[in-house]
Amino acid sequence: MTKKDLATLKKILIQKKAELLNKPVSEIDDNIGDEMDMASNSAEKELYYTLVSEDKITVDAINDAIAKVEAGNYGNCECCSSKIPIERLKAIPWTRYCIRCQEESEATKR
């Protein structure tokens, strides 16, 4: 991976982190409407908190990736230590695993 690739990927990581941290807060009012409205609001709240939780996981992964860039060990699979292909890093710059290890990890979770 070239220095230019590394700089580009770090910039993408920083931009994605900023995007996730600057999402608008959901405005759900529990005190308006009938029982159906309140049930709908409850479902929306649950979805919102799930999304927020997933965003936190992504932000944590981005922070880890940025730290690896700065430490000089970015782009290596955390499982097998092989180089992660640049195409995969461009698609998911905060990925921790090569495709093979990711697929094996997902297969064992099923």
Protein backbone atom coordinates (compact mmCIF):
# COMPACT_ATOMS: atom_id res chain seq x y z
CA MET A 1 0.00 0.00 0.00
CA THR A 2 1.41 3.37 -0.98
CA LYS A 3 1.59 6.42 1.27
CA LYS A 4 -0.98 8.07 -0.97
CA ASP A 5 -3.38 5.11 -0.51
CA LEU A 6 -2.84 5.25 3.24
CA ALA A 7 -3.51 9.00 3.37
CA THR A 8 -6.66 8.59 1.25
CA LEU A 9 -7.98 5.80 3.46
CA LYS A 10 -7.25 7.77 6.64
CA LYS A 11 -9.16 10.73 5.18
CA ILE A 12 -12.12 8.44 4.38
CA LEU A 13 -12.04 7.07 7.94
CA ILE A 14 -12.06 10.56 9.44
CA GLN A 15 -14.90 11.68 7.16
CA LYS A 16 -17.03 8.62 7.97
CA LYS A 17 -16.45 9.12 11.68
CA ALA A 18 -17.51 12.77 11.43
CA GLU A 19 -20.59 11.75 9.44
CA LEU A 20 -21.65 9.23 12.08
CA LEU A 21 -21.01 11.60 14.98
CA ASN A 22 -22.95 14.44 13.38
CA LYS A 23 -26.20 12.58 12.72
CA PRO A 24 -29.26 14.52 13.85
CA VAL A 25 -30.95 13.36 17.03
CA SER A 26 -34.32 11.72 16.45
CA GLU A 27 -37.32 13.77 17.51
CA ILE A 28 -39.88 11.28 18.71
CA ASP A 29 -42.65 12.61 20.97
CA ASP A 30 -44.31 9.94 23.12
CA ASN A 31 -47.07 12.22 24.34
CA ILE A 32 -48.89 12.84 21.07
CA GLY A 33 -51.60 10.71 19.48
CA ASP A 34 -53.56 7.60 20.28
CA GLU A 35 -52.34 4.13 21.25
CA MET A 36 -51.40 3.29 17.66
CA ASP A 37 -49.24 6.43 17.41
CA MET A 38 -47.55 5.61 20.71
CA ALA A 39 -46.88 2.02 19.57
CA SER A 40 -45.41 3.34 16.32
CA ASN A 41 -43.25 5.80 18.26
CA SER A 42 -42.03 2.98 20.49
CA ALA A 43 -41.01 0.93 17.45
CA GLU A 44 -39.27 3.96 15.95
CA LYS A 45 -37.40 4.54 19.21
CA GLU A 46 -36.25 0.94 19.32
CA LEU A 47 -35.01 1.14 15.73
CA TYR A 48 -33.29 4.46 16.45
CA TYR A 49 -31.43 3.06 19.47
CA THR A 50 -30.40 -0.02 17.49
CA LEU A 51 -29.00 2.23 14.76
CA VAL A 52 -27.21 4.39 17.32
CA SER A 53 -25.68 1.27 18.85
CA GLU A 54 -24.48 0.06 15.44
CA ASP A 55 -23.05 3.51 14.71
CA LYS A 56 -21.10 3.37 18.00
CA ILE A 57 -19.63 0.01 17.00
CA THR A 58 -18.60 1.48 13.63
CA VAL A 59 -17.10 4.60 15.25
CA ASP A 60 -15.08 2.37 17.62
CA ALA A 61 -13.84 0.33 14.64
CA ILE A 62 -12.93 3.55 12.81
CA ASN A 63 -11.00 4.80 15.85
CA ASP A 64 -9.11 1.50 15.96
CA ALA A 65 -8.31 1.77 12.24
CA ILE A 66 -7.05 5.36 12.62
CA ALA A 67 -4.84 4.25 15.52
CA LYS A 68 -3.42 1.48 13.32
CA VAL A 69 -2.68 3.97 10.54
CA GLU A 70 -0.79 6.13 13.02
CA ALA A 71 1.03 3.11 14.49
CA GLY A 72 2.01 1.89 11.03
CA ASN A 73 0.22 -1.46 11.12
CA TYR A 74 -2.98 -0.63 9.23
CA GLY A 75 -4.22 -3.05 6.60
CA ASN A 76 -3.24 -6.34 8.24
CA CYS A 77 -5.85 -8.97 9.10
CA GLU A 78 -6.24 -9.31 12.87
CA CYS A 79 -6.76 -13.04 12.51
CA CYS A 80 -4.16 -14.32 10.05
CA SER A 81 -1.92 -11.20 9.79
CA SER A 82 -2.06 -11.24 5.98
CA LYS A 83 -2.38 -8.01 4.03
CA ILE A 84 -5.99 -6.98 3.42
CA PRO A 85 -6.45 -6.15 -0.28
CA ILE A 86 -6.66 -2.41 -1.01
CA GLU A 87 -10.01 -2.94 -2.77
CA ARG A 88 -11.50 -4.30 0.47
CA LEU A 89 -10.03 -1.44 2.48
CA LYS A 90 -11.48 1.08 0.04
CA ALA A 91 -14.91 -0.53 0.42
CA ILE A 92 -14.75 -0.90 4.22
CA PRO A 93 -11.72 1.04 5.49
CA TRP A 94 -12.39 0.06 9.12
CA THR A 95 -12.45 -3.68 8.38
CA ARG A 96 -10.34 -5.83 10.68
CA TYR A 97 -10.24 -9.03 8.69
CA CYS A 98 -9.41 -10.28 5.21
CA ILE A 99 -12.33 -11.75 3.30
CA ARG A 100 -11.39 -15.36 4.11
CA CYS A 101 -11.21 -14.76 7.87
CA GLN A 102 -14.38 -12.64 7.81
CA GLU A 103 -16.29 -15.42 6.02
CA GLU A 104 -14.98 -18.03 8.47
CA SER A 105 -16.00 -15.85 11.41
CA GLU A 106 -19.51 -15.39 10.01
CA ALA A 107 -19.84 -19.10 9.26
CA THR A 108 -19.09 -20.03 12.88
CA LYS A 109 -21.71 -17.55 14.15
CA ARG A 110 -24.49 -19.32 12.25
